[in-house]
Amino acid sequence: MVHDLMEIPETIESDGGWTVRGAGPGLLAVLLRQYTKLLRDLGFPMQTVAAGTDAVSVREAMANLGVGAPEELIEWFGWQNGLVRNSGGHIASTLPIGFVPASLEFSAATYEIQLRDWIPEGLWAKGWISLESTQGLSLYCDGDPHAPCLVRQRFIDEYDFVTEYQPYQVLSLCTVVSWWLEALATHAAWRDSTLSGWDFDAARCAEIDHGTLVLS
């Protein structure tokens, strides 16, 4: 049963990969509010998530990098700005399922390093901004700023990263958040106090994310 009869958008196929019906910045804002509520209901310490930043800061950071600032990116960093770290630089917890969101500052600095060091385009491509501290989840920022954005898992099949399409691509952060919601709400993923983190049913999560590895 879905937690509190939560309505999760239907997953559908598109030219850009799997997406959810109604994807876009408006739906993303709604889904992130639902996600926050569900995490709190599960006892997750939301105070370990850094408060989001304003749209002006996101636009300025992207302009300095020479890339666009799509509305989905603005919604994303408006919701959070990485995880709170202690004086030793350590985090208290991760988001499901082991996801460590990057701050705007980290994402911008990572992109600058990639530009400066000329990372081969088989491993990286211009316009893709890392949303994860491990540089796994990335968002394409040079498309239509009002439309859903392409999202990819960069650490899988890295040499195919710049191909037109690959199995590890979805359309819109709405898709990612919807699958996180479904995994938690249907108990395909759960908090494990013995692990001080998260555990998950790999087979069930693979069904939810259609093998894109968003949930693993």
Protein backbone atom coordinates (compact mmCIF):
# COMPACT_ATOMS: atom_id res chain seq x y z
CA MET A 1 0.00 0.00 0.00
CA VAL A 2 1.24 3.48 -0.84
CA HIS A 3 1.91 5.59 2.23
CA ASP A 4 -1.10 7.77 3.16
CA LEU A 5 -2.70 7.08 -0.22
CA MET A 6 -0.01 9.26 -1.80
CA GLU A 7 -0.58 9.91 -5.50
CA ILE A 8 2.58 9.21 -7.45
CA PRO A 9 2.68 10.22 -11.13
CA GLU A 10 2.43 7.47 -13.70
CA THR A 11 5.71 6.41 -15.31
CA ILE A 12 5.59 6.57 -19.10
CA GLU A 13 8.03 6.26 -22.00
CA SER A 14 9.31 9.27 -23.94
CA ASP A 15 11.92 10.05 -26.58
CA GLY A 16 14.29 11.10 -23.79
CA GLY A 17 13.82 7.92 -21.76
CA TRP A 18 11.46 7.04 -18.93
CA THR A 19 9.56 9.97 -17.46
CA VAL A 20 6.39 10.64 -15.47
CA ARG A 21 3.15 12.16 -16.67
CA GLY A 22 3.05 15.93 -16.18
CA ALA A 23 6.81 16.24 -15.61
CA GLY A 24 8.16 19.76 -15.26
CA PRO A 25 9.22 22.31 -12.65
CA GLY A 26 5.71 22.75 -11.25
CA LEU A 27 5.27 19.06 -10.56
CA LEU A 28 8.82 18.84 -9.22
CA ALA A 29 8.02 21.42 -6.52
CA VAL A 30 5.00 19.36 -5.44
CA LEU A 31 6.94 16.08 -5.41
CA LEU A 32 9.79 17.54 -3.36
CA ARG A 33 7.27 18.72 -0.72
CA GLN A 34 5.78 15.22 -0.63
CA TYR A 35 9.25 13.72 -0.38
CA THR A 36 10.16 15.98 2.54
CA LYS A 37 6.97 15.02 4.37
CA LEU A 38 7.52 11.32 3.79
CA LEU A 39 11.12 11.50 5.01
CA ARG A 40 9.96 13.25 8.20
CA ASP A 41 7.23 10.64 8.68
CA LEU A 42 9.92 7.96 8.44
CA GLY A 43 11.95 9.69 11.14
CA PHE A 44 14.68 11.04 8.87
CA PRO A 45 16.47 14.05 10.47
CA MET A 46 15.70 16.76 7.90
CA GLN A 47 17.92 19.17 9.85
CA THR A 48 20.85 17.31 8.29
CA VAL A 49 19.78 18.65 4.89
CA ALA A 50 21.12 22.16 4.20
CA ALA A 51 18.50 24.81 3.49
CA GLY A 52 17.94 25.59 -0.17
CA THR A 53 19.32 28.60 -1.99
CA ASP A 54 17.54 31.29 -3.98
CA ALA A 55 16.93 31.40 -7.73
CA VAL A 56 19.22 34.40 -8.24
CA SER A 57 22.18 32.49 -6.78
CA VAL A 58 21.51 29.49 -9.01
CA ARG A 59 21.23 31.64 -12.13
CA GLU A 60 24.41 33.54 -11.27
CA ALA A 61 26.36 30.34 -10.62
CA MET A 62 25.27 28.82 -13.93
CA ALA A 63 25.92 32.05 -15.84
CA ASN A 64 29.47 32.06 -14.46
CA LEU A 65 29.90 28.56 -15.86
CA GLY A 66 28.42 29.48 -19.23
CA VAL A 67 25.48 27.08 -18.95
CA GLY A 68 21.75 27.55 -18.59
CA ALA A 69 19.74 27.55 -15.37
CA PRO A 70 16.62 25.49 -16.11
CA GLU A 71 13.67 25.81 -13.79
CA GLU A 72 14.07 22.21 -12.61
CA LEU A 73 17.59 23.05 -11.39
CA ILE A 74 16.26 26.14 -9.60
CA GLU A 75 13.57 24.06 -7.89
CA TRP A 76 16.15 21.43 -6.92
CA PHE A 77 18.57 23.81 -5.24
CA GLY A 78 15.68 25.78 -3.77
CA TRP A 79 14.69 22.58 -1.95
CA GLN A 80 18.15 21.75 -0.59
CA ASN A 81 21.77 22.81 -0.88
CA GLY A 82 23.63 19.64 0.00
CA LEU A 83 23.96 17.95 3.38
CA VAL A 84 25.12 19.57 6.60
CA ARG A 85 28.68 18.57 7.47
CA ASN A 86 30.40 18.66 10.85
CA SER A 87 33.74 20.33 11.59
CA GLY A 88 35.52 17.26 10.24
CA GLY A 89 33.63 17.44 6.95
CA HIS A 90 31.52 14.37 7.68
CA ILE A 91 27.77 14.01 7.11
CA ALA A 92 25.38 12.56 9.68
CA SER A 93 23.18 10.71 7.23
CA THR A 94 22.45 10.24 3.54
CA LEU A 95 19.20 10.54 1.68
CA PRO A 96 17.63 7.33 0.32
CA ILE A 97 19.18 5.16 -0.91
CA GLY A 98 22.65 6.38 0.01
CA PHE A 99 22.17 9.50 -2.12
CA VAL A 100 24.47 12.41 -1.15
CA PRO A 101 23.22 15.60 -2.84
CA ALA A 102 25.84 18.13 -3.83
CA SER A 103 25.61 21.77 -2.84
CA LEU A 104 25.36 24.41 -5.53
CA GLU A 105 28.92 25.44 -4.69
CA PHE A 106 30.21 21.86 -5.05
CA SER A 107 28.35 21.37 -8.34
CA ALA A 108 29.75 24.60 -9.77
CA ALA A 109 33.29 23.85 -8.60
CA THR A 110 33.12 20.35 -10.10
CA TYR A 111 32.05 21.76 -13.46
CA GLU A 112 34.87 24.31 -13.38
CA ILE A 113 37.41 21.54 -12.74
CA GLN A 114 36.03 19.53 -15.63
CA LEU A 115 36.34 22.53 -17.94
CA ARG A 116 39.83 23.46 -16.76
CA ASP A 117 41.26 19.96 -16.89
CA TRP A 118 39.55 19.10 -20.16
CA ILE A 119 38.01 15.81 -19.11
CA PRO A 120 37.65 13.65 -22.27
CA GLU A 121 34.12 13.91 -23.61
CA GLY A 122 33.66 10.16 -23.33
CA LEU A 123 33.68 10.71 -19.57
CA TRP A 124 31.95 14.06 -19.42
CA ALA A 125 30.12 16.52 -21.65
CA LYS A 126 29.47 20.25 -21.49
CA GLY A 127 26.15 21.35 -20.10
CA TRP A 128 25.82 18.47 -17.61
CA ILE A 129 25.81 19.59 -13.96
CA SER A 130 26.51 17.07 -11.18
CA LEU A 131 23.78 16.94 -8.54
CA GLU A 132 25.49 14.32 -6.40
CA SER A 133 28.73 14.52 -4.42
CA THR A 134 29.87 11.27 -6.02
CA GLN A 135 29.11 12.87 -9.43
CA GLY A 136 26.63 10.12 -10.20
CA LEU A 137 23.39 11.94 -10.94
CA SER A 138 23.72 14.77 -13.48
CA LEU A 139 21.27 17.21 -15.09
CA TYR A 140 21.48 18.64 -18.59
CA CYS A 141 21.18 22.42 -18.27
CA ASP A 142 21.51 23.74 -21.83
CA GLY A 143 18.08 22.80 -23.14
CA ASP A 144 14.73 24.61 -22.92
CA PRO A 145 14.79 26.16 -19.40
CA HIS A 146 11.05 25.67 -18.97
CA ALA A 147 10.95 22.04 -20.11
CA PRO A 148 11.79 18.80 -18.30
CA CYS A 149 15.55 18.15 -18.22
CA LEU A 150 17.51 15.05 -19.13
CA VAL A 151 19.00 13.24 -16.13
CA ARG A 152 21.77 10.64 -16.30
CA GLN A 153 23.71 8.36 -14.02
CA ARG A 154 27.26 9.20 -15.07
CA PHE A 155 29.20 6.47 -13.30
CA ILE A 156 27.64 3.71 -15.40
CA ASP A 157 29.00 3.03 -18.90
CA GLU A 158 31.00 6.24 -18.68
CA TYR A 159 32.43 5.90 -22.16
CA ASP A 160 28.88 6.00 -23.56
CA PHE A 161 27.92 9.10 -21.59
CA VAL A 162 27.64 11.40 -24.60
CA THR A 163 25.70 9.00 -26.78
CA GLU A 164 22.26 10.13 -27.89
CA TYR A 165 20.45 7.69 -25.62
CA GLN A 166 21.38 5.06 -23.11
CA PRO A 167 19.44 2.96 -20.57
CA TYR A 168 20.70 5.06 -17.66
CA GLN A 169 18.92 8.24 -18.77
CA VAL A 170 15.51 9.54 -17.69
CA LEU A 171 13.59 12.69 -18.51
CA SER A 172 13.03 15.12 -15.62
CA LEU A 173 13.98 15.18 -11.96
CA CYS A 174 10.27 14.49 -11.42
CA THR A 175 10.98 10.94 -12.53
CA VAL A 176 13.81 10.53 -10.04
CA VAL A 177 11.83 11.94 -7.10
CA SER A 178 8.71 9.96 -8.05
CA TRP A 179 10.68 6.73 -7.98
CA TRP A 180 12.24 7.67 -4.63
CA LEU A 181 8.73 8.27 -3.30
CA GLU A 182 7.41 4.99 -4.65
CA ALA A 183 10.35 3.02 -3.27
CA LEU A 184 9.86 4.43 0.22
CA ALA A 185 6.07 4.46 0.19
CA THR A 186 5.83 0.82 -0.91
CA HIS A 187 8.67 -0.31 1.40
CA ALA A 188 10.98 -1.26 -1.44
CA ALA A 189 13.48 0.88 0.51
CA TRP A 190 13.52 1.56 4.22
CA ARG A 191 15.52 3.06 7.07
CA ASP A 192 17.67 0.49 8.83
CA SER A 193 18.70 1.56 12.30
CA THR A 194 21.28 -1.23 12.52
CA LEU A 195 23.02 0.19 9.45
CA SER A 196 22.47 3.82 10.47
CA GLY A 197 21.20 4.37 6.97
CA TRP A 198 19.07 2.75 4.29
CA ASP A 199 18.47 -0.70 2.90
CA PHE A 200 16.47 -1.77 -0.12
CA ASP A 201 15.04 -4.66 -2.09
CA ALA A 202 17.20 -4.60 -5.22
CA ALA A 203 14.76 -6.56 -7.37
CA ARG A 204 11.78 -4.40 -6.42
CA CYS A 205 13.76 -1.18 -6.93
CA ALA A 206 14.86 -2.38 -10.38
CA GLU A 207 11.18 -2.79 -11.26
CA ILE A 208 10.36 0.72 -10.09
CA ASP A 209 13.25 2.45 -11.89
CA HIS A 210 13.12 0.19 -14.99
CA GLY A 211 16.77 -0.77 -14.59
CA THR A 212 18.08 2.81 -14.87
CA LEU A 213 19.90 2.43 -11.53
CA VAL A 214 18.33 5.60 -10.12
CA LEU A 215 17.47 3.62 -6.99
CA SER A 216 20.75 1.77 -6.53
